[in-house]
Amino acid sequence: MLSERWAVVPLRIFLAVLFGVLVLLQVMSLPGQFAHMAQESPDIAHLRWPLTAITVFWVVCAQVVVVCTWKLLTLVSRDRIFTPSSLKWVDAIVWAIAAAWAVLLGVFLAVASTPTTPDYPS
């Protein structure tokens, strides 16, 4: 039990810091980055809100993984990690990753199906 504590406590500190960084990214950095992109490149300014929504969704998926990992660490510290109660947290991690990949596939298909012609200098 003591050896598990040496692993669980640093992992929880890391997860707390990671969650805080993800919240800052979600609330401050991503909207500001895409607002700056819209100002610098008005020709692609129409992508500001879709890109913001997609990237915030990916950050939410990462936050779900962090929270579920925290809950699994709680089960480790209680020596209940290999019980049926841990499966719901593992399932939530799998679903969050699957949702992020599904959105990535959708973005890839949307970009691949958009016909564009490069502007070559004359």
PDB file of N, CA and C in Angstrom:
ATOM      1  N   MET A   1       0.824  -1.201   0.000  1.00  0.00           N
ATOM      2  CA  MET A   1       0.000   0.000   0.000  1.00  0.00           C
ATOM      3  C   MET A   1       0.860   1.253   0.000  1.00  0.00           C
ATOM      4  N   LEU A   2       1.991   1.195   0.682  1.00  0.00           N
ATOM      5  CA  LEU A   2       2.863   2.354   0.744  1.00  0.00           C
ATOM      6  C   LEU A   2       3.497   2.641  -0.616  1.00  0.00           C
ATOM      7  N   SER A   3       3.852   1.585  -1.353  1.00  0.00           N
ATOM      8  CA  SER A   3       4.467   1.795  -2.665  1.00  0.00           C
ATOM      9  C   SER A   3       3.464   2.390  -3.651  1.00  0.00           C
ATOM     10  N   GLU A   4       2.198   2.052  -3.502  1.00  0.00           N
ATOM     11  CA  GLU A   4       1.173   2.638  -4.367  1.00  0.00           C
ATOM     12  C   GLU A   4       1.024   4.132  -4.104  1.00  0.00           C
ATOM     13  N   ARG A   5       1.183   4.532  -2.856  1.00  0.00           N
ATOM     14  CA  ARG A   5       1.067   5.947  -2.510  1.00  0.00           C
ATOM     15  C   ARG A   5       2.141   6.762  -3.221  1.00  0.00           C
ATOM     16  N   TRP A   6       3.353   6.202  -3.323  1.00  0.00           N
ATOM     17  CA  TRP A   6       4.444   6.911  -3.994  1.00  0.00           C
ATOM     18  C   TRP A   6       4.149   7.099  -5.475  1.00  0.00           C
ATOM     19  N   ALA A   7       3.312   6.265  -6.043  1.00  0.00           N
ATOM     20  CA  ALA A   7       2.943   6.425  -7.447  1.00  0.00           C
ATOM     21  C   ALA A   7       1.694   7.279  -7.598  1.00  0.00           C
ATOM     22  N   VAL A   8       0.728   7.106  -6.723  1.00  0.00           N
ATOM     23  CA  VAL A   8      -0.564   7.780  -6.862  1.00  0.00           C
ATOM     24  C   VAL A   8      -0.452   9.279  -6.611  1.00  0.00           C
ATOM     25  N   VAL A   9       0.260   9.681  -5.587  1.00  0.00           N
ATOM     26  CA  VAL A   9       0.339  11.104  -5.239  1.00  0.00           C
ATOM     27  C   VAL A   9       0.996  11.936  -6.351  1.00  0.00           C
ATOM     28  N   PRO A  10       2.156  11.542  -6.888  1.00  0.00           N
ATOM     29  CA  PRO A  10       2.721  12.343  -7.985  1.00  0.00           C
ATOM     30  C   PRO A  10       1.849  12.344  -9.239  1.00  0.00           C
ATOM     31  N   LEU A  11       1.203  11.209  -9.509  1.00  0.00           N
ATOM     32  CA  LEU A  11       0.308  11.165 -10.664  1.00  0.00           C
ATOM     33  C   LEU A  11      -0.880  12.100 -10.484  1.00  0.00           C
ATOM     34  N   ARG A  12      -1.403  12.176  -9.280  1.00  0.00           N
ATOM     35  CA  ARG A  12      -2.516  13.100  -9.029  1.00  0.00           C
ATOM     36  C   ARG A  12      -2.075  14.554  -9.155  1.00  0.00           C
ATOM     37  N   ILE A  13      -0.880  14.864  -8.690  1.00  0.00           N
ATOM     38  CA  ILE A  13      -0.359  16.226  -8.849  1.00  0.00           C
ATOM     39  C   ILE A  13      -0.223  16.543 -10.330  1.00  0.00           C
ATOM     40  N   PHE A  14       0.334  15.611 -11.096  1.00  0.00           N
ATOM     41  CA  PHE A  14       0.475  15.810 -12.537  1.00  0.00           C
ATOM     42  C   PHE A  14      -0.885  15.996 -13.204  1.00  0.00           C
ATOM     43  N   LEU A  15      -1.860  15.164 -12.842  1.00  0.00           N
ATOM     44  CA  LEU A  15      -3.189  15.277 -13.445  1.00  0.00           C
ATOM     45  C   LEU A  15      -3.859  16.597 -13.084  1.00  0.00           C
ATOM     46  N   ALA A  16      -3.674  17.077 -11.868  1.00  0.00           N
ATOM     47  CA  ALA A  16      -4.256  18.361 -11.468  1.00  0.00           C
ATOM     48  C   ALA A  16      -3.641  19.509 -12.260  1.00  0.00           C
ATOM     49  N   VAL A  17      -2.324  19.472 -12.427  1.00  0.00           N
ATOM     50  CA  VAL A  17      -1.655  20.518 -13.214  1.00  0.00           C
ATOM     51  C   VAL A  17      -2.083  20.431 -14.672  1.00  0.00           C
ATOM     52  N   LEU A  18      -2.154  19.229 -15.209  1.00  0.00           N
ATOM     53  CA  LEU A  18      -2.577  19.037 -16.593  1.00  0.00           C
ATOM     54  C   LEU A  18      -4.001  19.539 -16.807  1.00  0.00           C
ATOM     55  N   PHE A  19      -4.891  19.247 -15.873  1.00  0.00           N
ATOM     56  CA  PHE A  19      -6.272  19.708 -15.999  1.00  0.00           C
ATOM     57  C   PHE A  19      -6.326  21.237 -15.972  1.00  0.00           C
ATOM     58  N   GLY A  20      -5.544  21.859 -15.098  1.00  0.00           N
ATOM     59  CA  GLY A  20      -5.500  23.317 -15.054  1.00  0.00           C
ATOM     60  C   GLY A  20      -4.991  23.921 -16.357  1.00  0.00           C
ATOM     61  N   VAL A  21      -3.955  23.315 -16.919  1.00  0.00           N
ATOM     62  CA  VAL A  21      -3.429  23.799 -18.201  1.00  0.00           C
ATOM     63  C   VAL A  21      -4.476  23.633 -19.299  1.00  0.00           C
ATOM     64  N   LEU A  22      -5.193  22.523 -19.294  1.00  0.00           N
ATOM     65  CA  LEU A  22      -6.235  22.304 -20.297  1.00  0.00           C
ATOM     66  C   LEU A  22      -7.361  23.321 -20.167  1.00  0.00           C
ATOM     67  N   VAL A  23      -7.733  23.671 -18.940  1.00  0.00           N
ATOM     68  CA  VAL A  23      -8.770  24.690 -18.745  1.00  0.00           C
ATOM     69  C   VAL A  23      -8.297  26.039 -19.274  1.00  0.00           C
ATOM     70  N   LEU A  24      -7.056  26.406 -18.965  1.00  0.00           N
ATOM     71  CA  LEU A  24      -6.514  27.666 -19.495  1.00  0.00           C
ATOM     72  C   LEU A  24      -6.484  27.656 -21.016  1.00  0.00           C
ATOM     73  N   LEU A  25      -6.080  26.556 -21.590  1.00  0.00           N
ATOM     74  CA  LEU A  25      -6.056  26.429 -23.040  1.00  0.00           C
ATOM     75  C   LEU A  25      -7.454  26.574 -23.619  1.00  0.00           C
ATOM     76  N   GLN A  26      -8.401  25.925 -22.988  1.00  0.00           N
ATOM     77  CA  GLN A  26      -9.782  25.918 -23.459  1.00  0.00           C
ATOM     78  C   GLN A  26     -10.440  27.287 -23.357  1.00  0.00           C
ATOM     79  N   VAL A  27     -10.165  28.002 -22.296  1.00  0.00           N
ATOM     80  CA  VAL A  27     -10.874  29.250 -22.034  1.00  0.00           C
ATOM     81  C   VAL A  27     -10.161  30.466 -22.614  1.00  0.00           C
ATOM     82  N   MET A  28      -8.847  30.469 -22.578  1.00  0.00           N
ATOM     83  CA  MET A  28      -8.122  31.677 -22.957  1.00  0.00           C
ATOM     84  C   MET A  28      -7.344  31.537 -24.266  1.00  0.00           C
ATOM     85  N   SER A  29      -6.566  30.513 -24.396  1.00  0.00           N
ATOM     86  CA  SER A  29      -5.634  30.441 -25.508  1.00  0.00           C
ATOM     87  C   SER A  29      -6.306  30.142 -26.846  1.00  0.00           C
ATOM     88  N   LEU A  30      -7.128  29.115 -26.898  1.00  0.00           N
ATOM     89  CA  LEU A  30      -7.720  28.729 -28.181  1.00  0.00           C
ATOM     90  C   LEU A  30      -8.631  29.805 -28.771  1.00  0.00           C
ATOM     91  N   PRO A  31      -9.570  30.376 -28.021  1.00  0.00           N
ATOM     92  CA  PRO A  31     -10.389  31.450 -28.624  1.00  0.00           C
ATOM     93  C   PRO A  31      -9.540  32.640 -29.061  1.00  0.00           C
ATOM     94  N   GLY A  32      -8.535  32.990 -28.284  1.00  0.00           N
ATOM     95  CA  GLY A  32      -7.666  34.103 -28.656  1.00  0.00           C
ATOM     96  C   GLY A  32      -6.842  33.798 -29.892  1.00  0.00           C
ATOM     97  N   GLN A  33      -6.362  32.562 -29.991  1.00  0.00           N
ATOM     98  CA  GLN A  33      -5.569  32.170 -31.149  1.00  0.00           C
ATOM     99  C   GLN A  33      -6.391  32.253 -32.430  1.00  0.00           C
ATOM    100  N   PHE A  34      -7.619  31.768 -32.390  1.00  0.00           N
ATOM    101  CA  PHE A  34      -8.433  31.791 -33.601  1.00  0.00           C
ATOM    102  C   PHE A  34      -8.961  33.190 -33.904  1.00  0.00           C
ATOM    103  N   ALA A  35      -9.144  34.036 -32.895  1.00  0.00           N
ATOM    104  CA  ALA A  35      -9.497  35.438 -33.144  1.00  0.00           C
ATOM    105  C   ALA A  35      -8.329  36.145 -33.822  1.00  0.00           C
ATOM    106  N   HIS A  36      -7.123  35.877 -33.368  1.00  0.00           N
ATOM    107  CA  HIS A  36      -5.932  36.465 -34.000  1.00  0.00           C
ATOM    108  C   HIS A  36      -5.800  35.971 -35.442  1.00  0.00           C
ATOM    109  N   MET A  37      -6.061  34.686 -35.654  1.00  0.00           N
ATOM    110  CA  MET A  37      -6.004  34.129 -37.003  1.00  0.00           C
ATOM    111  C   MET A  37      -6.995  34.831 -37.922  1.00  0.00           C
ATOM    112  N   ALA A  38      -8.194  35.107 -37.417  1.00  0.00           N
ATOM    113  CA  ALA A  38      -9.215  35.768 -38.229  1.00  0.00           C
ATOM    114  C   ALA A  38      -8.810  37.199 -38.577  1.00  0.00           C
ATOM    115  N   GLN A  39      -8.121  37.873 -37.663  1.00  0.00           N
ATOM    116  CA  GLN A  39      -7.663  39.238 -37.944  1.00  0.00           C
ATOM    117  C   GLN A  39      -6.513  39.247 -38.936  1.00  0.00           C
ATOM    118  N   GLU A  40      -5.603  38.308 -38.809  1.00  0.00           N
ATOM    119  CA  GLU A  40      -4.428  38.272 -39.677  1.00  0.00           C
ATOM    120  C   GLU A  40      -4.740  37.756 -41.072  1.00  0.00           C
ATOM    121  N   SER A  41      -5.700  36.852 -41.177  1.00  0.00           N
ATOM    122  CA  SER A  41      -6.051  36.254 -42.471  1.00  0.00           C
ATOM    123  C   SER A  41      -7.555  36.352 -42.679  1.00  0.00           C
ATOM    124  N   PRO A  42      -8.042  37.499 -43.157  1.00  0.00           N
ATOM    125  CA  PRO A  42      -9.490  37.654 -43.323  1.00  0.00           C
ATOM    126  C   PRO A  42     -10.109  36.673 -44.316  1.00  0.00           C
ATOM    127  N   ASP A  43      -9.301  36.141 -45.231  1.00  0.00           N
ATOM    128  CA  ASP A  43      -9.838  35.203 -46.212  1.00  0.00           C
ATOM    129  C   ASP A  43     -10.254  33.869 -45.592  1.00  0.00           C
ATOM    130  N   ILE A  44      -9.711  33.541 -44.439  1.00  0.00           N
ATOM    131  CA  ILE A  44     -10.119  32.304 -43.759  1.00  0.00           C
ATOM    132  C   ILE A  44     -10.782  32.595 -42.411  1.00  0.00           C
ATOM    133  N   ALA A  45     -11.244  33.817 -42.241  1.00  0.00           N
ATOM    134  CA  ALA A  45     -11.880  34.200 -40.973  1.00  0.00           C
ATOM    135  C   ALA A  45     -13.163  33.418 -40.710  1.00  0.00           C
ATOM    136  N   HIS A  46     -13.794  32.930 -41.777  1.00  0.00           N
ATOM    137  CA  HIS A  46     -15.028  32.156 -41.586  1.00  0.00           C
ATOM    138  C   HIS A  46     -14.783  30.833 -40.847  1.00  0.00           C
ATOM    139  N   LEU A  47     -13.531  30.409 -40.747  1.00  0.00           N
ATOM    140  CA  LEU A  47     -13.199  29.165 -40.043  1.00  0.00           C
ATOM    141  C   LEU A  47     -12.970  29.361 -38.548  1.00  0.00           C
ATOM    142  N   ARG A  48     -13.057  30.607 -38.090  1.00  0.00           N
ATOM    143  CA  ARG A  48     -12.742  30.884 -36.685  1.00  0.00           C
ATOM    144  C   ARG A  48     -13.588  30.057 -35.715  1.00  0.00           C
ATOM    145  N   TRP A  49     -14.890  30.121 -35.841  1.00  0.00           N
ATOM    146  CA  TRP A  49     -15.753  29.448 -34.870  1.00  0.00           C
ATOM    147  C   TRP A  49     -15.784  27.932 -35.038  1.00  0.00           C
ATOM    148  N   PRO A  50     -15.810  27.400 -36.278  1.00  0.00           N
ATOM    149  CA  PRO A  50     -15.726  25.934 -36.375  1.00  0.00           C
ATOM    150  C   PRO A  50     -14.426  25.374 -35.804  1.00  0.00           C
ATOM    151  N   LEU A  51     -13.306  26.042 -36.083  1.00  0.00           N
ATOM    152  CA  LEU A  51     -12.032  25.563 -35.540  1.00  0.00           C
ATOM    153  C   LEU A  51     -11.985  25.691 -34.023  1.00  0.00           C
ATOM    154  N   THR A  52     -12.547  26.771 -33.499  1.00  0.00           N
ATOM    155  CA  THR A  52     -12.596  26.929 -32.044  1.00  0.00           C
ATOM    156  C   THR A  52     -13.431  25.814 -31.415  1.00  0.00           C
ATOM    157  N   ALA A  53     -14.585  25.545 -31.997  1.00  0.00           N
ATOM    158  CA  ALA A  53     -15.460  24.499 -31.446  1.00  0.00           C
ATOM    159  C   ALA A  53     -14.798  23.127 -31.504  1.00  0.00           C
ATOM    160  N   ILE A  54     -14.149  22.829 -32.611  1.00  0.00           N
ATOM    161  CA  ILE A  54     -13.513  21.514 -32.754  1.00  0.00           C
ATOM    162  C   ILE A  54     -12.365  21.351 -31.765  1.00  0.00           C
ATOM    163  N   THR A  55     -11.519  22.353 -31.651  1.00  0.00           N
ATOM    164  CA  THR A  55     -10.383  22.211 -30.743  1.00  0.00           C
ATOM    165  C   THR A  55     -10.816  22.209 -29.277  1.00  0.00           C
ATOM    166  N   VAL A  56     -11.836  22.981 -28.946  1.00  0.00           N
ATOM    167  CA  VAL A  56     -12.356  22.942 -27.574  1.00  0.00           C
ATOM    168  C   VAL A  56     -12.951  21.568 -27.277  1.00  0.00           C
ATOM    169  N   PHE A  57     -13.602  20.963 -28.271  1.00  0.00           N
ATOM    170  CA  PHE A  57     -14.133  19.609 -28.093  1.00  0.00           C
ATOM    171  C   PHE A  57     -13.001  18.623 -27.815  1.00  0.00           C
ATOM    172  N   TRP A  58     -11.893  18.753 -28.546  1.00  0.00           N
ATOM    173  CA  TRP A  58     -10.758  17.866 -28.307  1.00  0.00           C
ATOM    174  C   TRP A  58     -10.177  18.069 -26.907  1.00  0.00           C
ATOM    175  N   VAL A  59     -10.159  19.305 -26.450  1.00  0.00           N
ATOM    176  CA  VAL A  59      -9.672  19.572 -25.092  1.00  0.00           C
ATOM    177  C   VAL A  59     -10.625  18.953 -24.067  1.00  0.00           C
ATOM    178  N   VAL A  60     -11.920  19.031 -24.319  1.00  0.00           N
ATOM    179  CA  VAL A  60     -12.896  18.400 -23.419  1.00  0.00           C
ATOM    180  C   VAL A  60     -12.672  16.889 -23.378  1.00  0.00           C
ATOM    181  N   CYS A  61     -12.400  16.290 -24.528  1.00  0.00           N
ATOM    182  CA  CYS A  61     -12.105  14.853 -24.547  1.00  0.00           C
ATOM    183  C   CYS A  61     -10.879  14.542 -23.691  1.00  0.00           C
ATOM    184  N   ALA A  62      -9.859  15.369 -23.775  1.00  0.00           N
ATOM    185  CA  ALA A  62      -8.665  15.172 -22.946  1.00  0.00           C
ATOM    186  C   ALA A  62      -8.998  15.347 -21.471  1.00  0.00           C
ATOM    187  N   GLN A  63      -9.876  16.298 -21.158  1.00  0.00           N
ATOM    188  CA  GLN A  63     -10.271  16.504 -19.762  1.00  0.00           C
ATOM    189  C   GLN A  63     -11.042  15.301 -19.231  1.00  0.00           C
ATOM    190  N   VAL A  64     -11.862  14.696 -20.057  1.00  0.00           N
ATOM    191  CA  VAL A  64     -12.583  13.488 -19.635  1.00  0.00           C
ATOM    192  C   VAL A  64     -11.587  12.383 -19.308  1.00  0.00           C
ATOM    193  N   VAL A  65     -10.567  12.239 -20.138  1.00  0.00           N
ATOM    194  CA  VAL A  65      -9.541  11.221 -19.874  1.00  0.00           C
ATOM    195  C   VAL A  65      -8.813  11.510 -18.562  1.00  0.00           C
ATOM    196  N   VAL A  66      -8.518  12.778 -18.298  1.00  0.00           N
ATOM    197  CA  VAL A  66      -7.830  13.141 -17.055  1.00  0.00           C
ATOM    198  C   VAL A  66      -8.705  12.823 -15.848  1.00  0.00           C
ATOM    199  N   VAL A  67      -9.973  13.193 -15.904  1.00  0.00           N
ATOM    200  CA  VAL A  67     -10.876  12.934 -14.774  1.00  0.00           C
ATOM    201  C   VAL A  67     -11.053  11.433 -14.552  1.00  0.00           C
ATOM    202  N   CYS A  68     -11.226  10.680 -15.615  1.00  0.00           N
ATOM    203  CA  CYS A  68     -11.386   9.230 -15.467  1.00  0.00           C
ATOM    204  C   CYS A  68     -10.119   8.583 -14.923  1.00  0.00           C
ATOM    205  N   THR A  69      -8.964   9.075 -15.342  1.00  0.00           N
ATOM    206  CA  THR A  69      -7.710   8.560 -14.806  1.00  0.00           C
ATOM    207  C   THR A  69      -7.607   8.863 -13.314  1.00  0.00           C
ATOM    208  N   TRP A  70      -8.046  10.052 -12.911  1.00  0.00           N
ATOM    209  CA  TRP A  70      -8.066  10.404 -11.484  1.00  0.00           C
ATOM    210  C   TRP A  70      -8.940   9.415 -10.714  1.00  0.00           C
ATOM    211  N   LYS A  71     -10.122   9.126 -11.273  1.00  0.00           N
ATOM    212  CA  LYS A  71     -11.022   8.185 -10.594  1.00  0.00           C
ATOM    213  C   LYS A  71     -10.406   6.788 -10.527  1.00  0.00           C
ATOM    214  N   LEU A  72      -9.702   6.385 -11.577  1.00  0.00           N
ATOM    215  CA  LEU A  72      -9.035   5.084 -11.541  1.00  0.00           C
ATOM    216  C   LEU A  72      -7.911   5.061 -10.507  1.00  0.00           C
ATOM    217  N   LEU A  73      -7.221   6.178 -10.350  1.00  0.00           N
ATOM    218  CA  LEU A  73      -6.199   6.257  -9.295  1.00  0.00           C
ATOM    219  C   LEU A  73      -6.821   6.144  -7.911  1.00  0.00           C
ATOM    220  N   THR A  74      -8.028   6.691  -7.754  1.00  0.00           N
ATOM    221  CA  THR A  74      -8.739   6.539  -6.477  1.00  0.00           C
ATOM    222  C   THR A  74      -9.019   5.066  -6.210  1.00  0.00           C
ATOM    223  N   LEU A  75      -9.421   4.342  -7.253  1.00  0.00           N
ATOM    224  CA  LEU A  75      -9.672   2.914  -7.081  1.00  0.00           C
ATOM    225  C   LEU A  75      -8.379   2.152  -6.787  1.00  0.00           C
ATOM    226  N   VAL A  76      -7.268   2.594  -7.359  1.00  0.00           N
ATOM    227  CA  VAL A  76      -5.978   1.961  -7.059  1.00  0.00           C
ATOM    228  C   VAL A  76      -5.636   2.158  -5.585  1.00  0.00           C
ATOM    229  N   SER A  77      -5.831   3.376  -5.097  1.00  0.00           N
ATOM    230  CA  SER A  77      -5.478   3.634  -3.693  1.00  0.00           C
ATOM    231  C   SER A  77      -6.385   2.876  -2.721  1.00  0.00           C
ATOM    232  N   ARG A  78      -7.577   2.530  -3.163  1.00  0.00           N
ATOM    233  CA  ARG A  78      -8.487   1.739  -2.315  1.00  0.00           C
ATOM    234  C   ARG A  78      -8.373   0.242  -2.583  1.00  0.00           C
ATOM    235  N   ASP A  79      -7.436  -0.134  -3.467  1.00  0.00           N
ATOM    236  CA  ASP A  79      -7.216  -1.532  -3.851  1.00  0.00           C
ATOM    237  C   ASP A  79      -8.477  -2.152  -4.446  1.00  0.00           C
ATOM    238  N   ARG A  80      -9.155  -1.383  -5.292  1.00  0.00           N
ATOM    239  CA  ARG A  80     -10.377  -1.850  -5.957  1.00  0.00           C
ATOM    240  C   ARG A  80     -10.281  -1.660  -7.467  1.00  0.00           C
ATOM    241  N   ILE A  81      -9.064  -1.636  -8.007  1.00  0.00           N
ATOM    242  CA  ILE A  81      -8.892  -1.334  -9.418  1.00  0.00           C
ATOM    243  C   ILE A  81      -9.404  -2.455 -10.325  1.00  0.00           C
ATOM    244  N   PHE A  82      -9.326  -3.696  -9.870  1.00  0.00           N
ATOM    245  CA  PHE A  82      -9.773  -4.804 -10.698  1.00  0.00           C
ATOM    246  C   PHE A  82     -11.170  -5.272 -10.295  1.00  0.00           C
ATOM    247  N   THR A  83     -12.065  -4.327 -10.158  1.00  0.00           N
ATOM    248  CA  THR A  83     -13.459  -4.620  -9.850  1.00  0.00           C
ATOM    249  C   THR A  83     -14.318  -4.086 -10.993  1.00  0.00           C
ATOM    250  N   PRO A  84     -15.549  -4.538 -11.069  1.00  0.00           N
ATOM    251  CA  PRO A  84     -16.423  -4.047 -12.146  1.00  0.00           C
ATOM    252  C   PRO A  84     -16.668  -2.533 -12.103  1.00  0.00           C
ATOM    253  N   SER A  85     -16.502  -1.913 -10.948  1.00  0.00           N
ATOM    254  CA  SER A  85     -16.729  -0.466 -10.861  1.00  0.00           C
ATOM    255  C   SER A  85     -15.692   0.332 -11.653  1.00  0.00           C
ATOM    256  N   SER A  86     -14.538  -0.261 -11.911  1.00  0.00           N
ATOM    257  CA  SER A  86     -13.519   0.461 -12.673  1.00  0.00           C
ATOM    258  C   SER A  86     -13.811   0.437 -14.172  1.00  0.00           C
ATOM    259  N   LEU A  87     -14.624  -0.485 -14.620  1.00  0.00           N
ATOM    260  CA  LEU A  87     -14.878  -0.600 -16.052  1.00  0.00           C
ATOM    261  C   LEU A  87     -15.598   0.609 -16.625  1.00  0.00           C
ATOM    262  N   LYS A  88     -16.463   1.260 -15.842  1.00  0.00           N
ATOM    263  CA  LYS A  88     -17.166   2.429 -16.374  1.00  0.00           C
ATOM    264  C   LYS A  88     -16.194   3.568 -16.660  1.00  0.00           C
ATOM    265  N   TRP A  89     -15.128   3.681 -15.851  1.00  0.00           N
ATOM    266  CA  TRP A  89     -14.138   4.737 -16.081  1.00  0.00           C
ATOM    267  C   TRP A  89     -13.263   4.411 -17.290  1.00  0.00           C
ATOM    268  N   VAL A  90     -12.934   3.150 -17.442  1.00  0.00           N
ATOM    269  CA  VAL A  90     -12.177   2.728 -18.626  1.00  0.00           C
ATOM    270  C   VAL A  90     -13.031   2.926 -19.879  1.00  0.00           C
ATOM    271  N   ASP A  91     -14.313   2.576 -19.801  1.00  0.00           N
ATOM    272  CA  ASP A  91     -15.216   2.792 -20.935  1.00  0.00           C
ATOM    273  C   ASP A  91     -15.321   4.269 -21.301  1.00  0.00           C
ATOM    274  N   ALA A  92     -15.377   5.128 -20.292  1.00  0.00           N
ATOM    275  CA  ALA A  92     -15.460   6.569 -20.565  1.00  0.00           C
ATOM    276  C   ALA A  92     -14.200   7.065 -21.264  1.00  0.00           C
ATOM    277  N   ILE A  93     -13.034   6.547 -20.875  1.00  0.00           N
ATOM    278  CA  ILE A  93     -11.793   6.915 -21.550  1.00  0.00           C
ATOM    279  C   ILE A  93     -11.830   6.469 -23.010  1.00  0.00           C
ATOM    280  N   VAL A  94     -12.267   5.246 -23.234  1.00  0.00           N
ATOM    281  CA  VAL A  94     -12.330   4.723 -24.604  1.00  0.00           C
ATOM    282  C   VAL A  94     -13.306   5.542 -25.440  1.00  0.00           C
ATOM    283  N   TRP A  95     -14.461   5.877 -24.893  1.00  0.00           N
ATOM    284  CA  TRP A  95     -15.446   6.666 -25.632  1.00  0.00           C
ATOM    285  C   TRP A  95     -14.936   8.079 -25.924  1.00  0.00           C
ATOM    286  N   ALA A  96     -14.228   8.675 -24.996  1.00  0.00           N
ATOM    287  CA  ALA A  96     -13.676  10.018 -25.232  1.00  0.00           C
ATOM    288  C   ALA A  96     -12.633   9.984 -26.346  1.00  0.00           C
ATOM    289  N   ILE A  97     -11.788   8.979 -26.332  1.00  0.00           N
ATOM    290  CA  ILE A  97     -10.786   8.858 -27.394  1.00  0.00           C
ATOM    291  C   ILE A  97     -11.457   8.562 -28.729  1.00  0.00           C
ATOM    292  N   ALA A  98     -12.465   7.708 -28.721  1.00  0.00           N
ATOM    293  CA  ALA A  98     -13.181   7.396 -29.967  1.00  0.00           C
ATOM    294  C   ALA A  98     -13.888   8.637 -30.523  1.00  0.00           C
ATOM    295  N   ALA A  99     -14.475   9.444 -29.648  1.00  0.00           N
ATOM    296  CA  ALA A  99     -15.148  10.667 -30.097  1.00  0.00           C
ATOM    297  C   ALA A  99     -14.144  11.648 -30.696  1.00  0.00           C
ATOM    298  N   ALA A 100     -12.989  11.779 -30.070  1.00  0.00           N
ATOM    299  CA  ALA A 100     -11.960  12.677 -30.612  1.00  0.00           C
ATOM    300  C   ALA A 100     -11.485  12.195 -31.977  1.00  0.00           C
ATOM    301  N   TRP A 101     -11.274  10.893 -32.129  1.00  0.00           N
ATOM    302  CA  TRP A 101     -10.855  10.361 -33.427  1.00  0.00           C
ATOM    303  C   TRP A 101     -11.953  10.502 -34.475  1.00  0.00           C
ATOM    304  N   ALA A 102     -13.216  10.341 -34.076  1.00  0.00           N
ATOM    305  CA  ALA A 102     -14.324  10.498 -35.033  1.00  0.00           C
ATOM    306  C   ALA A 102     -14.385  11.930 -35.552  1.00  0.00           C
ATOM    307  N   VAL A 103     -14.191  12.897 -34.670  1.00  0.00           N
ATOM    308  CA  VAL A 103     -14.185  14.294 -35.095  1.00  0.00           C
ATOM    309  C   VAL A 103     -12.976  14.561 -35.986  1.00  0.00           C
ATOM    310  N   LEU A 104     -11.829  13.996 -35.645  1.00  0.00           N
ATOM    311  CA  LEU A 104     -10.648  14.157 -36.489  1.00  0.00           C
ATOM    312  C   LEU A 104     -10.890  13.578 -37.881  1.00  0.00           C
ATOM    313  N   LEU A 105     -11.526  12.428 -37.958  1.00  0.00           N
ATOM    314  CA  LEU A 105     -11.864  11.837 -39.249  1.00  0.00           C
ATOM    315  C   LEU A 105     -12.820  12.743 -40.023  1.00  0.00           C
ATOM    316  N   GLY A 106     -13.809  13.306 -39.318  1.00  0.00           N
ATOM    317  CA  GLY A 106     -14.737  14.237 -39.971  1.00  0.00           C
ATOM    318  C   GLY A 106     -14.022  15.464 -40.501  1.00  0.00           C
ATOM    319  N   VAL A 107     -13.088  16.008 -39.747  1.00  0.00           N
ATOM    320  CA  VAL A 107     -12.310  17.166 -40.202  1.00  0.00           C
ATOM    321  C   VAL A 107     -11.486  16.781 -41.423  1.00  0.00           C
ATOM    322  N   PHE A 108     -10.848  15.612 -41.364  1.00  0.00           N
ATOM    323  CA  PHE A 108     -10.058  15.155 -42.496  1.00  0.00           C
ATOM    324  C   PHE A 108     -10.914  15.005 -43.749  1.00  0.00           C
ATOM    325  N   LEU A 109     -12.089  14.403 -43.623  1.00  0.00           N
ATOM    326  CA  LEU A 109     -12.967  14.230 -44.779  1.00  0.00           C
ATOM    327  C   LEU A 109     -13.480  15.565 -45.300  1.00  0.00           C
ATOM    328  N   ALA A 110     -13.766  16.504 -44.413  1.00  0.00           N
ATOM    329  CA  ALA A 110     -14.221  17.827 -44.848  1.00  0.00           C
ATOM    330  C   ALA A 110     -13.127  18.567 -45.604  1.00  0.00           C
ATOM    331  N   VAL A 111     -11.908  18.478 -45.107  1.00  0.00           N
ATOM    332  CA  VAL A 111     -10.792  19.145 -45.788  1.00  0.00           C
ATOM    333  C   VAL A 111     -10.495  18.453 -47.115  1.00  0.00           C
ATOM    334  N   ALA A 112     -10.533  17.127 -47.133  1.00  0.00           N
ATOM    335  CA  ALA A 112     -10.227  16.384 -48.356  1.00  0.00           C
ATOM    336  C   ALA A 112     -11.287  16.590 -49.434  1.00  0.00           C
ATOM    337  N   SER A 113     -12.520  16.844 -49.041  1.00  0.00           N
ATOM    338  CA  SER A 113     -13.589  17.003 -50.026  1.00  0.00           C
ATOM    339  C   SER A 113     -13.771  18.440 -50.489  1.00  0.00           C
ATOM    340  N   THR A 114     -13.022  19.372 -49.914  1.00  0.00           N
ATOM    341  CA  THR A 114     -13.133  20.773 -50.311  1.00  0.00           C
ATOM    342  C   THR A 114     -12.213  21.022 -51.496  1.00  0.00           C
ATOM    343  N   PRO A 115     -12.792  21.364 -52.631  1.00  0.00           N
ATOM    344  CA  PRO A 115     -11.931  21.623 -53.790  1.00  0.00           C
ATOM    345  C   PRO A 115     -11.247  22.990 -53.653  1.00  0.00           C
ATOM    346  N   THR A 116      -9.954  22.974 -53.778  1.00  0.00           N
ATOM    347  CA  THR A 116      -9.195  24.211 -53.731  1.00  0.00           C
ATOM    348  C   THR A 116      -8.192  24.221 -54.873  1.00  0.00           C
ATOM    349  N   THR A 117      -7.924  25.388 -55.359  1.00  0.00           N
ATOM    350  CA  THR A 117      -6.902  25.532 -56.391  1.00  0.00           C
ATOM    351  C   THR A 117      -5.833  26.458 -55.838  1.00  0.00           C
ATOM    352  N   PRO A 118      -4.605  26.063 -55.952  1.00  0.00           N
ATOM    353  CA  PRO A 118      -3.554  26.927 -55.428  1.00  0.00           C
ATOM    354  C   PRO A 118      -3.381  28.184 -56.291  1.00  0.00           C
ATOM    355  N   ASP A 119      -3.029  29.268 -55.663  1.00  0.00           N
ATOM    356  CA  ASP A 119      -2.780  30.523 -56.370  1.00  0.00           C
ATOM    357  C   ASP A 119      -1.308  30.588 -56.719  1.00  0.00           C
ATOM    358  N   TYR A 120      -1.025  30.358 -57.988  1.00  0.00           N
ATOM    359  CA  TYR A 120       0.359  30.429 -58.437  1.00  0.00           C
ATOM    360  C   TYR A 120       0.676  31.844 -58.893  1.00  0.00           C
ATOM    361  N   PRO A 121       1.848  32.339 -58.559  1.00  0.00           N
ATOM    362  CA  PRO A 121       2.196  33.687 -59.016  1.00  0.00           C
ATOM    363  C   PRO A 121       2.411  33.695 -60.527  1.00  0.00           C
ATOM    364  N   SER A 122       2.024  34.778 -61.119  1.00  0.00           N
ATOM    365  CA  SER A 122       2.148  34.882 -62.588  1.00  0.00           C
ATOM    366  C   SER A 122       3.540  35.276 -63.008  1.00  0.00           C
TER     367      SER A 122
END
